[in-house]
Amino acid sequence: KPVWRGSTGRSVQAHSLTADELARLAGRIRRQPAQFVAQPLVAASCLPVYANGELQPRPAILRSFAVAADTSYAIMPGGLTRVGSGLDTFNLTSQSGSCSKDTWVIATEPERIDSQAGRMERRAASPIEMVSLPSRVVENLFWMGRYAERAECSLRLLRTAFFLLNGERAPGPGSRRVLLATVSQVTATMPGFVEADDAQIAAPEQALWQLVGDGSMAGSVSFNLQAMLQCADQCKELMSPDMLRILSDMGDELAALNNTLNGGFAYAPEEALNPLITIMTALIGLTQESMVRGSGWRFNEIGRRLERGLLTGQVISGLVASGQPQADQDVLVHAMLLSLEVLITYRRRYGTGMDIANSLDLVLMDTDNPRSLLYQLERLQQHISELPRADGRRHELPAELRYAVEAATGVKLLRLDELAALDDSGHYGRLLDSLAETRRLLATISDAISSRYFDHRESSQQLVQGVWEVSE
């Protein structure tokens, strides 16, 4: 037999070979002795098989199975019987035409009913068993929400970058580099523009468009949309017909976008992104208005709020956390407000001046703003608190809820005057530290939810300690 049995590997019955065939086989073994293993030929027992309308003797083998118990194996009362295609068949494999049948062992007496079974202590259900949907479905809904937020945030930031870079008053070299570096950080396509030279910063259009349409680049808009559509395909039975239509239109719109800008850079690429952003907005709206408020919708919302909180913090820290000259700082604050969809609200409240403290108040702590960081944290805390809990605790909060409360409380306790103050290194150090801590807590929440509701893996353990047990 070949040691490594691929699709072409076959066992050789040496006793049936001619002298020439034996010589050729011996030569192959001498050339590659480590590639072959020998096994004695064991004559198969014969069983009566019903074939062609009558009972006929056929060679047969029985494959039995053992199931791992706590400290031993339990031998199953039965197995799989494979019978040859003819009486002289020695090779009992599916390739040779052998067939297989389940084998059952009938007990010699009626099964005894254990009177203690009804009084056994009821096992506490795990949290995922309390959810009304399979783990696979809720996990895909959770990641569908996360990928949707990644795609939308990337689209809005890229649209802002295109708009500013191609505007009448292009940003200066300093703000231009910070803006492009933030694009790489938010899309997780490092190093990207973070380590780009001056020539790449001066002409970033091709690289920016690659972040939109290159489906093979992890972190691109196309990549995230494809991942979102794959997740949606696994749980489409929970979606309304309009949601399914929007999902279908999304792939068509992305293909049309590639065709629009294929072969060159469009005159107004920020406008070319608008239809895709509109479709994303429609999908999010239908998620809110068409999905039943069950566990599936809640996991989708948790994924969205968690990812939007992470990305909102990344946009803020990337664009305004480092001190810049006033002209560059105004451009970057303007970019932050535009990307987070609150520029009009800011101007209505505070006028046209780009003030750091007022801007941070709007994007960090204003719970009337559905895109603020604190809004995401409070919604996240609410949805996690309504997840099913099966551990029996009445007052102690589960880990994921503790982290959500900690993250929301940390943002509520921030002071705007401290956030808007530069440290000795010329950075908004308090702002950077606070956002980093919030992102850490959000990542911990994600791990805790995945471990509690999605992750069914167990640590490795020794299955047998040398004691064998046979079912009676």
Protein backbone atom coordinates (compact mmCIF):
# COMPACT_ATOMS: atom_id res chain seq x y z
CA LYS A 1 0.00 0.00 0.00
CA PRO A 2 1.20 3.59 -0.57
CA VAL A 3 1.89 5.42 2.70
CA TRP A 4 0.16 8.55 1.37
CA ARG A 5 -3.03 7.49 -0.35
CA GLY A 6 -4.05 10.16 -2.82
CA SER A 7 -6.72 9.93 -5.49
CA THR A 8 -4.44 7.66 -7.57
CA GLY A 9 -3.14 5.52 -4.70
CA ARG A 10 -4.36 1.93 -4.79
CA SER A 11 -3.61 -1.15 -2.72
CA VAL A 12 -1.82 -3.91 -4.62
CA GLN A 13 -2.72 -7.55 -4.06
CA ALA A 14 0.77 -8.98 -4.56
CA HIS A 15 -0.37 -12.59 -4.62
CA SER A 16 -2.34 -11.94 -7.83
CA LEU A 17 0.52 -10.33 -9.79
CA THR A 18 2.57 -12.00 -12.50
CA ALA A 19 6.33 -12.41 -12.20
CA ASP A 20 6.97 -9.31 -14.35
CA GLU A 21 4.50 -7.24 -12.32
CA LEU A 22 6.10 -8.39 -9.09
CA ALA A 23 9.54 -7.39 -10.42
CA ARG A 24 8.31 -3.91 -11.36
CA LEU A 25 6.67 -3.49 -7.94
CA ALA A 26 9.87 -4.60 -6.18
CA GLY A 27 11.84 -2.03 -8.20
CA ARG A 28 9.47 0.78 -7.13
CA ILE A 29 9.82 -0.26 -3.49
CA ARG A 30 13.63 -0.32 -3.71
CA ARG A 31 13.68 3.19 -5.23
CA GLN A 32 11.31 4.65 -2.61
CA PRO A 33 11.10 2.27 0.32
CA ALA A 34 9.66 4.91 2.68
CA GLN A 35 6.63 5.37 0.43
CA PHE A 36 5.21 1.86 0.90
CA VAL A 37 3.84 -0.24 3.73
CA ALA A 38 3.11 -3.99 3.68
CA GLN A 39 0.14 -5.64 5.29
CA PRO A 40 -0.64 -9.36 5.55
CA LEU A 41 -3.63 -10.48 3.55
CA VAL A 42 -6.48 -11.41 5.87
CA ALA A 43 -9.16 -13.59 4.38
CA ALA A 44 -12.59 -12.07 4.87
CA SER A 45 -15.39 -14.02 6.49
CA CYS A 46 -18.44 -14.80 4.40
CA LEU A 47 -21.99 -13.67 5.13
CA PRO A 48 -25.25 -14.48 3.36
CA VAL A 49 -26.22 -11.51 1.14
CA TYR A 50 -29.51 -11.11 -0.66
CA ALA A 51 -28.58 -10.45 -4.29
CA ASN A 52 -30.27 -11.21 -7.62
CA GLY A 53 -33.32 -12.55 -5.84
CA GLU A 54 -31.49 -15.12 -3.72
CA LEU A 55 -29.09 -15.50 -0.78
CA GLN A 56 -25.46 -15.72 -1.88
CA PRO A 57 -22.20 -15.98 0.12
CA ARG A 58 -20.08 -12.85 -0.04
CA PRO A 59 -16.87 -11.80 1.76
CA ALA A 60 -17.59 -9.17 4.42
CA ILE A 61 -15.82 -7.04 7.02
CA LEU A 62 -17.30 -5.23 10.03
CA ARG A 63 -16.13 -1.79 11.05
CA SER A 64 -16.95 -1.05 14.68
CA PHE A 65 -16.92 2.29 16.49
CA ALA A 66 -16.07 3.52 19.97
CA VAL A 67 -17.32 6.75 21.55
CA ALA A 68 -15.20 8.71 24.05
CA ALA A 69 -16.76 8.95 27.50
CA ASP A 70 -15.41 10.90 30.49
CA THR A 71 -12.54 8.55 31.33
CA SER A 72 -12.91 5.71 28.83
CA TYR A 73 -14.45 4.59 25.56
CA ALA A 74 -17.90 3.04 25.10
CA ILE A 75 -18.14 0.48 22.30
CA MET A 76 -21.20 1.08 20.17
CA PRO A 77 -23.51 -1.94 19.75
CA GLY A 78 -23.31 -2.06 16.00
CA GLY A 79 -21.22 -0.80 13.15
CA LEU A 80 -20.82 -0.71 9.39
CA THR A 81 -20.63 -3.91 7.33
CA ARG A 82 -18.98 -3.83 3.89
CA VAL A 83 -19.58 -6.75 1.51
CA GLY A 84 -17.79 -7.63 -1.70
CA SER A 85 -19.32 -7.57 -5.15
CA GLY A 86 -18.46 -11.22 -5.75
CA LEU A 87 -17.45 -14.36 -3.91
CA ASP A 88 -13.80 -14.06 -5.00
CA THR A 89 -13.48 -10.37 -4.14
CA PHE A 90 -10.55 -9.69 -1.82
CA ASN A 91 -10.43 -5.88 -1.94
CA LEU A 92 -13.51 -4.72 -0.02
CA THR A 93 -13.48 -1.01 -0.95
CA SER A 94 -16.01 1.31 -2.46
CA GLN A 95 -13.74 1.71 -5.51
CA SER A 96 -14.01 -2.03 -6.19
CA GLY A 97 -17.80 -1.97 -6.12
CA SER A 98 -18.36 -3.09 -2.54
CA CYS A 99 -21.47 -1.86 -0.80
CA SER A 100 -22.00 -0.92 2.84
CA LYS A 101 -24.85 -1.54 5.24
CA ASP A 102 -25.55 -0.36 8.77
CA THR A 103 -25.30 -3.20 11.27
CA TRP A 104 -27.54 -3.32 14.32
CA VAL A 105 -27.16 -5.59 17.35
CA ILE A 106 -30.48 -6.57 18.89
CA ALA A 107 -30.55 -6.92 22.68
CA THR A 108 -31.36 -10.32 24.14
CA GLU A 109 -33.88 -8.82 26.57
CA PRO A 110 -36.02 -5.68 26.85
CA GLU A 111 -34.19 -2.52 27.88
CA ARG A 112 -34.34 -1.84 31.59
CA ILE A 113 -35.74 1.59 32.48
CA ASP A 114 -33.70 3.40 35.11
CA SER A 115 -36.12 4.63 37.75
CA GLN A 116 -33.55 7.22 38.87
CA ALA A 117 -33.48 8.92 35.47
CA GLY A 118 -36.50 11.07 36.18
CA ARG A 119 -34.96 12.34 39.40
CA MET A 120 -31.65 13.38 37.86
CA GLU A 121 -30.63 16.96 38.42
CA ARG A 122 -31.57 19.10 35.45
CA ARG A 123 -28.53 20.43 33.59
CA ALA A 124 -28.41 24.21 33.36
CA ALA A 125 -28.88 25.39 29.80
CA SER A 126 -26.03 27.28 28.19
CA PRO A 127 -26.66 30.85 27.01
CA ILE A 128 -26.73 29.91 23.34
CA GLU A 129 -29.43 27.30 24.08
CA MET A 130 -31.63 30.13 25.33
CA VAL A 131 -31.46 31.91 21.97
CA SER A 132 -34.34 31.08 19.64
CA LEU A 133 -32.07 30.78 16.60
CA PRO A 134 -29.14 28.49 15.77
CA SER A 135 -25.71 29.77 16.72
CA ARG A 136 -24.71 29.82 13.04
CA VAL A 137 -27.55 32.22 12.21
CA VAL A 138 -26.98 34.71 15.03
CA GLU A 139 -23.23 34.69 14.40
CA ASN A 140 -23.76 35.54 10.74
CA LEU A 141 -26.20 38.31 11.67
CA PHE A 142 -23.66 39.68 14.15
CA TRP A 143 -20.92 39.77 11.49
CA MET A 144 -23.29 41.03 8.83
CA GLY A 145 -23.82 44.11 11.00
CA ARG A 146 -20.08 44.54 11.55
CA TYR A 147 -19.16 44.22 7.88
CA ALA A 148 -21.96 46.61 6.93
CA GLU A 149 -20.59 49.26 9.29
CA ARG A 150 -17.05 48.73 8.03
CA ALA A 151 -18.18 49.24 4.44
CA GLU A 152 -20.30 52.29 5.23
CA CYS A 153 -17.68 54.02 7.39
CA SER A 154 -15.02 53.38 4.75
CA LEU A 155 -17.27 54.74 2.01
CA ARG A 156 -18.04 57.92 3.94
CA LEU A 157 -14.39 58.54 4.82
CA LEU A 158 -13.25 57.86 1.25
CA ARG A 159 -15.93 60.19 -0.08
CA THR A 160 -14.69 62.88 2.29
CA ALA A 161 -11.11 62.32 1.15
CA PHE A 162 -12.07 62.56 -2.53
CA PHE A 163 -14.12 65.68 -1.85
CA LEU A 164 -11.34 67.49 -0.01
CA LEU A 165 -8.48 66.40 -2.27
CA ASN A 166 -10.34 67.52 -5.38
CA GLY A 167 -11.89 70.65 -3.91
CA GLU A 168 -11.13 74.23 -4.82
CA ARG A 169 -8.97 74.63 -1.71
CA ALA A 170 -6.93 71.45 -1.47
CA PRO A 171 -5.58 70.63 2.02
CA GLY A 172 -1.95 71.39 2.79
CA PRO A 173 0.75 68.72 2.98
CA GLY A 174 0.34 68.22 6.73
CA SER A 175 -3.44 67.74 6.81
CA ARG A 176 -3.28 65.78 3.56
CA ARG A 177 -0.94 63.21 5.07
CA VAL A 178 -3.01 62.91 8.27
CA LEU A 179 -6.22 62.48 6.25
CA LEU A 180 -4.76 59.73 4.06
CA ALA A 181 -3.11 57.98 7.01
CA THR A 182 -6.51 57.89 8.75
CA VAL A 183 -8.00 56.25 5.66
CA SER A 184 -5.44 53.44 5.95
CA GLN A 185 -6.04 53.08 9.70
CA VAL A 186 -9.84 52.96 9.44
CA THR A 187 -9.81 50.48 6.54
CA ALA A 188 -7.12 48.38 8.31
CA THR A 189 -4.96 48.39 5.17
CA MET A 190 -1.71 49.16 6.94
CA PRO A 191 0.89 50.39 6.31
CA GLY A 192 -0.79 52.06 3.32
CA PHE A 193 -0.48 55.82 3.47
CA VAL A 194 1.00 55.74 6.97
CA GLU A 195 4.45 54.99 5.53
CA ALA A 196 3.90 56.53 2.09
CA ASP A 197 6.48 58.83 0.56
CA ASP A 198 5.73 62.35 -0.65
CA ALA A 199 5.02 61.20 -4.21
CA GLN A 200 2.32 58.79 -3.04
CA ILE A 201 0.77 61.44 -0.81
CA ALA A 202 0.75 63.91 -3.71
CA ALA A 203 -0.99 61.46 -6.08
CA PRO A 204 -3.12 59.07 -3.97
CA GLU A 205 -6.05 58.65 -6.36
CA GLN A 206 -5.23 55.22 -7.71
CA ALA A 207 -4.55 53.78 -4.26
CA LEU A 208 -7.76 55.33 -2.93
CA TRP A 209 -9.80 53.82 -5.69
CA GLN A 210 -8.21 50.44 -5.02
CA LEU A 211 -9.58 50.72 -1.48
CA VAL A 212 -13.05 50.94 -3.01
CA GLY A 213 -13.12 48.35 -5.78
CA ASP A 214 -10.38 45.79 -5.16
CA GLY A 215 -12.26 42.80 -3.77
CA SER A 216 -9.04 40.88 -3.18
CA MET A 217 -7.71 43.50 -0.74
CA ALA A 218 -8.75 42.77 2.84
CA GLY A 219 -10.31 45.92 4.28
CA SER A 220 -11.47 47.41 0.98
CA VAL A 221 -15.10 48.41 0.51
CA SER A 222 -15.62 45.64 -2.02
CA PHE A 223 -14.07 43.05 0.31
CA ASN A 224 -16.29 44.07 3.23
CA LEU A 225 -19.42 44.12 1.08
CA GLN A 226 -18.70 40.65 -0.26
CA ALA A 227 -18.19 39.38 3.30
CA MET A 228 -21.45 41.05 4.37
CA LEU A 229 -23.35 39.45 1.47
CA GLN A 230 -21.94 36.03 2.38
CA CYS A 231 -23.14 36.45 5.96
CA ALA A 232 -26.56 37.64 4.74
CA ASP A 233 -26.89 34.60 2.51
CA GLN A 234 -26.67 32.36 5.60
CA CYS A 235 -29.65 34.03 7.30
CA LYS A 236 -31.80 35.35 4.47
CA GLU A 237 -34.87 33.54 5.85
CA LEU A 238 -35.05 36.29 8.50
CA MET A 239 -35.08 39.14 5.99
CA SER A 240 -37.95 40.83 4.21
CA PRO A 241 -38.25 40.76 0.39
CA ASP A 242 -37.17 44.41 0.26
CA MET A 243 -34.02 43.64 2.23
CA LEU A 244 -33.18 40.79 -0.14
CA ARG A 245 -33.71 43.10 -3.11
CA ILE A 246 -31.39 45.70 -1.61
CA LEU A 247 -28.74 43.06 -1.04
CA SER A 248 -29.05 41.96 -4.65
CA ASP A 249 -28.81 45.56 -5.90
CA MET A 250 -25.68 46.10 -3.84
CA GLY A 251 -23.59 43.69 -5.89
CA ASP A 252 -24.89 45.24 -9.12
CA GLU A 253 -24.07 48.74 -7.93
CA LEU A 254 -20.53 47.77 -6.97
CA ALA A 255 -19.97 46.26 -10.42
CA ALA A 256 -21.38 49.41 -12.04
CA LEU A 257 -19.07 51.54 -9.92
CA ASN A 258 -16.04 49.58 -11.14
CA ASN A 259 -17.16 50.05 -14.74
CA THR A 260 -17.69 53.78 -14.22
CA LEU A 261 -14.15 54.43 -13.05
CA ASN A 262 -12.40 51.65 -14.95
CA GLY A 263 -9.29 52.79 -16.75
CA GLY A 264 -8.95 56.19 -15.16
CA PHE A 265 -9.85 58.55 -12.37
CA ALA A 266 -13.32 60.07 -12.55
CA TYR A 267 -13.79 63.83 -12.49
CA ALA A 268 -15.91 63.64 -9.30
CA PRO A 269 -15.27 60.27 -7.65
CA GLU A 270 -17.03 61.34 -4.45
CA GLU A 271 -20.28 61.54 -6.43
CA ALA A 272 -19.68 58.07 -7.88
CA LEU A 273 -19.73 56.68 -4.33
CA ASN A 274 -23.10 58.24 -3.48
CA PRO A 275 -25.32 55.45 -4.94
CA LEU A 276 -23.51 52.80 -2.95
CA ILE A 277 -23.82 54.85 0.25
CA THR A 278 -27.54 55.30 -0.48
CA ILE A 279 -27.99 51.52 -0.81
CA MET A 280 -26.14 50.97 2.47
CA THR A 281 -28.37 53.52 4.18
CA ALA A 282 -31.47 51.81 2.76
CA LEU A 283 -30.29 48.44 4.07
CA ILE A 284 -29.71 49.84 7.57
CA GLY A 285 -33.13 51.52 7.48
CA LEU A 286 -34.87 48.30 6.44
CA THR A 287 -33.02 46.44 9.19
CA GLN A 288 -34.58 48.84 11.67
CA GLU A 289 -38.06 48.85 10.15
CA SER A 290 -38.53 45.35 8.72
CA MET A 291 -36.77 42.87 11.02
CA VAL A 292 -38.69 41.43 13.95
CA ARG A 293 -37.14 42.45 17.27
CA GLY A 294 -35.96 38.95 18.09
CA SER A 295 -32.56 37.62 19.06
CA GLY A 296 -31.39 37.73 15.42
CA TRP A 297 -32.08 41.45 15.09
CA ARG A 298 -30.48 42.08 18.46
CA PHE A 299 -27.23 40.33 17.50
CA ASN A 300 -27.17 42.30 14.24
CA GLU A 301 -27.60 45.51 16.22
CA ILE A 302 -24.86 44.53 18.66
CA GLY A 303 -22.50 43.93 15.74
CA ARG A 304 -23.37 47.28 14.16
CA ARG A 305 -23.08 49.33 17.35
CA LEU A 306 -19.86 47.63 18.35
CA GLU A 307 -18.23 48.19 14.96
CA ARG A 308 -19.50 51.77 14.64
CA GLY A 309 -18.11 52.54 18.08
CA LEU A 310 -14.71 51.13 17.11
CA LEU A 311 -14.61 53.01 13.81
CA THR A 312 -15.93 56.28 15.24
CA GLY A 313 -13.14 56.26 17.78
CA GLN A 314 -10.63 55.45 15.03
CA VAL A 315 -11.81 58.36 12.86
CA ILE A 316 -11.62 60.81 15.76
CA SER A 317 -8.20 59.72 16.98
CA GLY A 318 -6.82 59.59 13.46
CA LEU A 319 -7.99 63.03 12.33
CA VAL A 320 -7.79 65.28 15.38
CA ALA A 321 -5.65 63.61 18.03
CA SER A 322 -2.38 65.20 16.88
CA GLY A 323 -1.94 68.92 17.14
CA GLN A 324 -1.64 70.71 13.76
CA PRO A 325 -1.32 74.33 12.65
CA GLN A 326 -4.67 76.07 12.82
CA ALA A 327 -5.35 75.93 9.06
CA ASP A 328 -4.62 72.20 8.91
CA GLN A 329 -6.54 71.58 12.13
CA ASP A 330 -9.65 73.23 10.69
CA VAL A 331 -9.46 71.01 7.60
CA LEU A 332 -9.13 67.85 9.69
CA VAL A 333 -11.98 68.77 12.07
CA HIS A 334 -14.08 69.56 9.02
CA ALA A 335 -13.21 66.12 7.58
CA MET A 336 -14.14 64.41 10.85
CA LEU A 337 -17.53 66.13 11.06
CA LEU A 338 -18.24 65.43 7.39
CA SER A 339 -17.30 61.75 7.66
CA LEU A 340 -19.43 61.28 10.77
CA GLU A 341 -22.45 62.99 9.16
CA VAL A 342 -22.73 65.88 11.65
CA LEU A 343 -21.25 68.83 9.77
CA ILE A 344 -24.63 70.50 9.16
CA THR A 345 -25.65 70.00 12.81
CA TYR A 346 -22.34 71.50 13.98
CA ARG A 347 -22.75 74.59 11.77
CA ARG A 348 -26.31 75.10 12.93
CA ARG A 349 -25.22 75.02 16.57
CA TYR A 350 -21.80 76.67 16.52
CA GLY A 351 -21.38 78.49 13.22
CA THR A 352 -18.51 77.93 10.79
CA GLY A 353 -15.56 77.98 13.19
CA MET A 354 -13.99 74.56 13.77
CA ASP A 355 -13.65 74.35 17.57
CA ILE A 356 -12.11 71.18 19.03
CA ALA A 357 -14.12 71.09 22.26
CA ASN A 358 -17.48 71.67 20.55
CA SER A 359 -16.65 69.10 17.88
CA LEU A 360 -15.71 66.47 20.44
CA ASP A 361 -18.85 67.15 22.43
CA LEU A 362 -20.93 66.42 19.32
CA VAL A 363 -19.14 63.27 18.14
CA LEU A 364 -18.26 61.81 21.55
CA MET A 365 -20.90 62.64 24.15
CA ASP A 366 -24.08 63.92 22.48
CA THR A 367 -26.62 61.09 22.80
CA ASP A 368 -29.04 62.98 20.55
CA ASN A 369 -26.56 62.30 17.76
CA PRO A 370 -27.11 58.70 16.55
CA ARG A 371 -23.51 58.59 15.29
CA SER A 372 -21.81 59.73 18.48
CA LEU A 373 -19.59 57.33 20.37
CA LEU A 374 -21.65 57.46 23.56
CA TYR A 375 -24.85 56.72 21.62
CA GLN A 376 -23.26 53.50 20.30
CA LEU A 377 -22.10 52.49 23.78
CA GLU A 378 -25.49 53.06 25.38
CA ARG A 379 -27.32 51.14 22.63
CA LEU A 380 -24.73 48.37 22.94
CA GLN A 381 -25.25 48.20 26.68
CA GLN A 382 -29.02 48.05 26.21
CA HIS A 383 -28.93 45.24 23.66
CA ILE A 384 -26.43 43.15 25.63
CA SER A 385 -28.54 43.50 28.79
CA GLU A 386 -31.50 41.96 26.93
CA LEU A 387 -29.62 38.91 25.70
CA PRO A 388 -30.76 35.62 27.30
CA ARG A 389 -28.85 34.56 30.38
CA ALA A 390 -28.88 30.99 31.59
CA ASP A 391 -26.26 31.03 34.31
CA GLY A 392 -28.75 31.58 37.13
CA ARG A 393 -27.16 34.74 38.51
CA ARG A 394 -29.67 37.42 39.49
CA HIS A 395 -27.50 40.45 40.10
CA GLU A 396 -23.97 39.83 38.91
CA LEU A 397 -23.47 41.20 35.40
CA PRO A 398 -21.99 38.93 32.72
CA ALA A 399 -18.56 39.90 31.47
CA GLU A 400 -19.71 41.49 28.20
CA LEU A 401 -22.23 43.71 30.01
CA ARG A 402 -19.67 44.78 32.63
CA TYR A 403 -17.32 45.92 29.87
CA ALA A 404 -20.15 47.76 28.09
CA VAL A 405 -21.11 49.61 31.29
CA GLU A 406 -17.45 50.45 31.91
CA ALA A 407 -17.00 51.80 28.37
CA ALA A 408 -20.15 53.97 28.51
CA THR A 409 -19.34 55.26 31.99
CA GLY A 410 -15.79 56.11 30.97
CA VAL A 411 -16.99 58.34 28.14
CA LYS A 412 -19.62 60.00 30.35
CA LEU A 413 -16.94 60.94 32.88
CA LEU A 414 -14.68 62.63 30.33
CA ARG A 415 -14.05 66.37 30.59
CA LEU A 416 -13.99 68.32 27.35
CA ASP A 417 -11.45 70.86 28.59
CA GLU A 418 -8.99 68.02 29.28
CA LEU A 419 -9.67 66.37 25.92
CA ALA A 420 -9.10 69.64 24.05
CA ALA A 421 -5.78 70.41 25.79
CA LEU A 422 -2.47 69.64 24.07
CA ASP A 423 0.18 67.82 26.06
CA ASP A 424 3.93 68.48 26.02
CA SER A 425 4.40 66.37 22.86
CA GLY A 426 1.91 68.45 20.90
CA HIS A 427 -0.84 65.80 20.92
CA TYR A 428 -4.25 65.57 22.52
CA GLY A 429 -2.92 62.90 24.85
CA ARG A 430 -5.99 62.61 27.09
CA LEU A 431 -8.18 62.14 24.04
CA LEU A 432 -5.85 59.51 22.58
CA ASP A 433 -5.72 57.54 25.84
CA SER A 434 -9.48 57.65 26.34
CA LEU A 435 -10.26 56.48 22.81
CA ALA A 436 -7.66 53.72 23.04
CA GLU A 437 -9.22 52.46 26.28
CA THR A 438 -12.70 52.52 24.72
CA ARG A 439 -11.52 50.55 21.70
CA ARG A 440 -9.88 48.02 24.04
CA LEU A 441 -13.12 47.54 25.93
CA LEU A 442 -15.10 47.17 22.70
CA ALA A 443 -12.68 44.51 21.46
CA THR A 444 -13.05 42.71 24.80
CA ILE A 445 -16.84 42.85 24.49
CA SER A 446 -16.59 41.27 21.05
CA ASP A 447 -14.42 38.44 22.39
CA ALA A 448 -16.76 37.83 25.33
CA ILE A 449 -19.86 37.67 23.12
CA SER A 450 -18.14 35.36 20.66
CA SER A 451 -16.99 33.07 23.46
CA ARG A 452 -20.40 32.94 25.14
CA TYR A 453 -22.70 32.69 22.13
CA PHE A 454 -20.70 31.59 19.09
CA ASP A 455 -17.60 29.68 20.16
CA HIS A 456 -18.26 25.99 20.84
CA ARG A 457 -14.65 24.86 20.97
CA GLU A 458 -13.38 23.13 24.09
CA SER A 459 -9.87 22.82 25.38
CA SER A 460 -8.07 19.58 24.60
CA GLN A 461 -8.20 16.83 27.20
CA GLN A 462 -7.08 13.22 27.65
CA LEU A 463 -10.00 11.05 26.62
CA VAL A 464 -8.88 7.69 27.97
CA GLN A 465 -7.05 6.75 31.14
CA GLY A 466 -6.57 3.08 30.33
CA VAL A 467 -10.00 1.85 31.41
CA TRP A 468 -12.27 0.38 28.75
CA GLU A 469 -15.97 0.13 29.18
CA VAL A 470 -18.36 -1.98 27.13
CA SER A 471 -22.06 -1.20 26.92
CA GLU A 472 -24.19 -3.83 28.54
